[in-house]
């Protein structure tokens, strides 16, 4: 039972890391797109 619980916490931790990575990638992409659009307009 304890092994299953440890795996669950590890899986949840990995899921959180993946979610934060996706959010950072999305924010970075939006930021680069905004900068590119601004530089193209100027």
PDB file of N, CA and C in Angstrom:
ATOM      1  N   UNK A   1       0.840  -1.199   0.000  1.00  0.00           N
ATOM      2  CA  UNK A   1       0.000   0.000   0.000  1.00  0.00           C
ATOM      3  C   UNK A   1       0.876   1.249   0.000  1.00  0.00           C
ATOM      4  N   UNK A   2       1.940   1.231   0.805  1.00  0.00           N
ATOM      5  CA  UNK A   2       2.809   2.412   0.889  1.00  0.00           C
ATOM      6  C   UNK A   2       3.509   2.648  -0.457  1.00  0.00           C
ATOM      7  N   UNK A   3       3.877   1.564  -1.148  1.00  0.00           N
ATOM      8  CA  UNK A   3       4.537   1.714  -2.450  1.00  0.00           C
ATOM      9  C   UNK A   3       3.610   2.414  -3.437  1.00  0.00           C
ATOM     10  N   UNK A   4       2.347   2.015  -3.452  1.00  0.00           N
ATOM     11  CA  UNK A   4       1.377   2.624  -4.362  1.00  0.00           C
ATOM     12  C   UNK A   4       1.218   4.106  -4.031  1.00  0.00           C
ATOM     13  N   UNK A   5       1.174   4.430  -2.735  1.00  0.00           N
ATOM     14  CA  UNK A   5       1.017   5.825  -2.316  1.00  0.00           C
ATOM     15  C   UNK A   5       2.228   6.641  -2.764  1.00  0.00           C
ATOM     16  N   UNK A   6       3.428   6.090  -2.609  1.00  0.00           N
ATOM     17  CA  UNK A   6       4.641   6.793  -3.021  1.00  0.00           C
ATOM     18  C   UNK A   6       4.629   7.047  -4.516  1.00  0.00           C
ATOM     19  N   UNK A   7       4.201   6.046  -5.281  1.00  0.00           N
ATOM     20  CA  UNK A   7       4.134   6.208  -6.735  1.00  0.00           C
ATOM     21  C   UNK A   7       3.125   7.289  -7.098  1.00  0.00           C
ATOM     22  N   UNK A   8       2.010   7.331  -6.353  1.00  0.00           N
ATOM     23  CA  UNK A   8       0.966   8.324  -6.630  1.00  0.00           C
ATOM     24  C   UNK A   8       1.520   9.727  -6.403  1.00  0.00           C
ATOM     25  N   UNK A   9       2.209   9.935  -5.276  1.00  0.00           N
ATOM     26  CA  UNK A   9       2.759  11.266  -4.979  1.00  0.00           C
ATOM     27  C   UNK A   9       3.804  11.638  -6.035  1.00  0.00           C
ATOM     28  N   UNK A  10       4.625  10.654  -6.441  1.00  0.00           N
ATOM     29  CA  UNK A  10       5.639  10.906  -7.463  1.00  0.00           C
ATOM     30  C   UNK A  10       4.976  11.284  -8.786  1.00  0.00           C
ATOM     31  N   UNK A  11       3.887  10.582  -9.135  1.00  0.00           N
ATOM     32  CA  UNK A  11       3.166  10.865 -10.381  1.00  0.00           C
ATOM     33  C   UNK A  11       2.562  12.262 -10.341  1.00  0.00           C
ATOM     34  N   UNK A  12       1.962  12.615  -9.180  1.00  0.00           N
ATOM     35  CA  UNK A  12       1.355  13.946  -9.040  1.00  0.00           C
ATOM     36  C   UNK A  12       2.437  15.018  -9.145  1.00  0.00           C
ATOM     37  N   UNK A  13       3.598  14.762  -8.533  1.00  0.00           N
ATOM     38  CA  UNK A  13       4.697  15.738  -8.588  1.00  0.00           C
ATOM     39  C   UNK A  13       5.144  15.931 -10.032  1.00  0.00           C
ATOM     40  N   UNK A  14       5.284  14.843 -10.769  1.00  0.00           N
ATOM     41  CA  UNK A  14       5.679  14.932 -12.178  1.00  0.00           C
ATOM     42  C   UNK A  14       4.635  15.684 -12.989  1.00  0.00           C
ATOM     43  N   UNK A  15       3.352  15.436 -12.674  1.00  0.00           N
ATOM     44  CA  UNK A  15       2.268  16.116 -13.390  1.00  0.00           C
ATOM     45  C   UNK A  15       2.350  17.615 -13.156  1.00  0.00           C
ATOM     46  N   UNK A  16       2.614  18.019 -11.911  1.00  0.00           N
ATOM     47  CA  UNK A  16       2.712  19.451 -11.582  1.00  0.00           C
ATOM     48  C   UNK A  16       3.891  20.068 -12.331  1.00  0.00           C
ATOM     49  N   UNK A  17       5.015  19.345 -12.380  1.00  0.00           N
ATOM     50  CA  UNK A  17       6.202  19.865 -13.076  1.00  0.00           C
ATOM     51  C   UNK A  17       5.884  20.036 -14.563  1.00  0.00           C
ATOM     52  N   UNK A  18       5.194  19.050 -15.144  1.00  0.00           N
ATOM     53  CA  UNK A  18       4.848  19.130 -16.571  1.00  0.00           C
ATOM     54  C   UNK A  18       3.908  20.306 -16.817  1.00  0.00           C
ATOM     55  N   UNK A  19       2.935  20.499 -15.927  1.00  0.00           N
ATOM     56  CA  UNK A  19       1.979  21.604 -16.086  1.00  0.00           C
ATOM     57  C   UNK A  19       2.701  22.947 -16.029  1.00  0.00           C
ATOM     58  N   UNK A  20       3.608  23.108 -15.055  1.00  0.00           N
ATOM     59  CA  UNK A  20       4.342  24.370 -14.936  1.00  0.00           C
ATOM     60  C   UNK A  20       5.213  24.581 -16.174  1.00  0.00           C
ATOM     61  N   UNK A  21       5.813  23.504 -16.684  1.00  0.00           N
ATOM     62  CA  UNK A  21       6.649  23.626 -17.879  1.00  0.00           C
ATOM     63  C   UNK A  21       5.805  24.081 -19.066  1.00  0.00           C
ATOM     64  N   UNK A  22       4.596  23.517 -19.206  1.00  0.00           N
ATOM     65  CA  UNK A  22       3.710  23.904 -20.315  1.00  0.00           C
ATOM     66  C   UNK A  22       3.309  25.368 -20.173  1.00  0.00           C
ATOM     67  N   UNK A  23       3.010  25.777 -18.935  1.00  0.00           N
ATOM     68  CA  UNK A  23       2.608  27.175 -18.699  1.00  0.00           C
ATOM     69  C   UNK A  23       3.761  28.109 -19.056  1.00  0.00           C
ATOM     70  N   UNK A  24       4.992  27.739 -18.634  1.00  0.00           N
ATOM     71  CA  UNK A  24       6.147  28.588 -18.938  1.00  0.00           C
ATOM     72  C   UNK A  24       6.381  28.652 -20.444  1.00  0.00           C
ATOM     73  N   UNK A  25       6.228  27.506 -21.130  1.00  0.00           N
ATOM     74  CA  UNK A  25       6.405  27.489 -22.584  1.00  0.00           C
ATOM     75  C   UNK A  25       5.347  28.357 -23.254  1.00  0.00           C
ATOM     76  N   UNK A  26       4.096  28.246 -22.789  1.00  0.00           N
ATOM     77  CA  UNK A  26       3.005  29.036 -23.369  1.00  0.00           C
ATOM     78  C   UNK A  26       3.260  30.524 -23.153  1.00  0.00           C
ATOM     79  N   UNK A  27       3.674  30.899 -21.930  1.00  0.00           N
ATOM     80  CA  UNK A  27       3.953  32.311 -21.633  1.00  0.00           C
ATOM     81  C   UNK A  27       5.118  32.801 -22.486  1.00  0.00           C
ATOM     82  N   UNK A  28       6.155  31.979 -22.615  1.00  0.00           N
ATOM     83  CA  UNK A  28       7.312  32.364 -23.422  1.00  0.00           C
ATOM     84  C   UNK A  28       6.922  32.545 -24.883  1.00  0.00           C
ATOM     85  N   UNK A  29       6.096  31.629 -25.398  1.00  0.00           N
ATOM     86  CA  UNK A  29       5.649  31.741 -26.788  1.00  0.00           C
ATOM     87  C   UNK A  29       4.819  32.996 -27.000  1.00  0.00           C
ATOM     88  N   UNK A  30       3.916  33.285 -26.068  1.00  0.00           N
ATOM     89  CA  UNK A  30       3.080  34.484 -26.184  1.00  0.00           C
ATOM     90  C   UNK A  30       3.948  35.731 -26.109  1.00  0.00           C
ATOM     91  N   UNK A  31       4.951  35.700 -25.218  1.00  0.00           N
ATOM     92  CA  UNK A  31       5.834  36.861 -25.054  1.00  0.00           C
ATOM     93  C   UNK A  31       6.624  37.093 -26.343  1.00  0.00           C
ATOM     94  N   UNK A  32       7.200  36.027 -26.913  1.00  0.00           N
ATOM     95  CA  UNK A  32       7.972  36.176 -28.149  1.00  0.00           C
ATOM     96  C   UNK A  32       7.067  36.633 -29.290  1.00  0.00           C
ATOM     97  N   UNK A  33       5.843  36.106 -29.342  1.00  0.00           N
ATOM     98  CA  UNK A  33       4.902  36.518 -30.395  1.00  0.00           C
ATOM     99  C   UNK A  33       4.569  37.996 -30.253  1.00  0.00           C
ATOM    100  N   UNK A  34       4.347  38.455 -29.017  1.00  0.00           N
ATOM    101  CA  UNK A  34       4.039  39.865 -28.775  1.00  0.00           C
ATOM    102  C   UNK A  34       5.204  40.752 -29.175  1.00  0.00           C
ATOM    103  N   UNK A  35       6.420  40.329 -28.811  1.00  0.00           N
ATOM    104  CA  UNK A  35       7.608  41.130 -29.150  1.00  0.00           C
ATOM    105  C   UNK A  35       7.777  41.170 -30.672  1.00  0.00           C
ATOM    106  N   UNK A  36       7.578  40.019 -31.331  1.00  0.00           N
ATOM    107  CA  UNK A  36       7.716  39.968 -32.792  1.00  0.00           C
ATOM    108  C   UNK A  36       6.684  40.867 -33.460  1.00  0.00           C
ATOM    109  N   UNK A  37       5.450  40.832 -32.987  1.00  0.00           N
ATOM    110  CA  UNK A  37       4.399  41.669 -33.588  1.00  0.00           C
ATOM    111  C   UNK A  37       4.723  43.145 -33.382  1.00  0.00           C
ATOM    112  N   UNK A  38       5.224  43.488 -32.199  1.00  0.00           N
ATOM    113  CA  UNK A  38       5.558  44.897 -31.917  1.00  0.00           C
ATOM    114  C   UNK A  38       6.707  45.345 -32.817  1.00  0.00           C
ATOM    115  N   UNK A  39       7.745  44.506 -32.944  1.00  0.00           N
ATOM    116  CA  UNK A  39       8.894  44.878 -33.776  1.00  0.00           C
ATOM    117  C   UNK A  39       8.478  44.950 -35.243  1.00  0.00           C
ATOM    118  N   UNK A  40       7.561  44.101 -35.666  1.00  0.00           N
ATOM    119  CA  UNK A  40       7.098  44.137 -37.060  1.00  0.00           C
ATOM    120  C   UNK A  40       6.290  45.400 -37.329  1.00  0.00           C
ATOM    121  N   UNK A  41       5.511  45.836 -36.350  1.00  0.00           N
ATOM    122  CA  UNK A  41       4.700  47.046 -36.526  1.00  0.00           C
ATOM    123  C   UNK A  41       5.593  48.274 -36.595  1.00  0.00           C
ATOM    124  N   UNK A  42       6.660  48.279 -35.796  1.00  0.00           N
ATOM    125  CA  UNK A  42       7.537  49.457 -35.754  1.00  0.00           C
ATOM    126  C   UNK A  42       8.430  49.519 -36.984  1.00  0.00           C
TER     127      UNK A  42
END
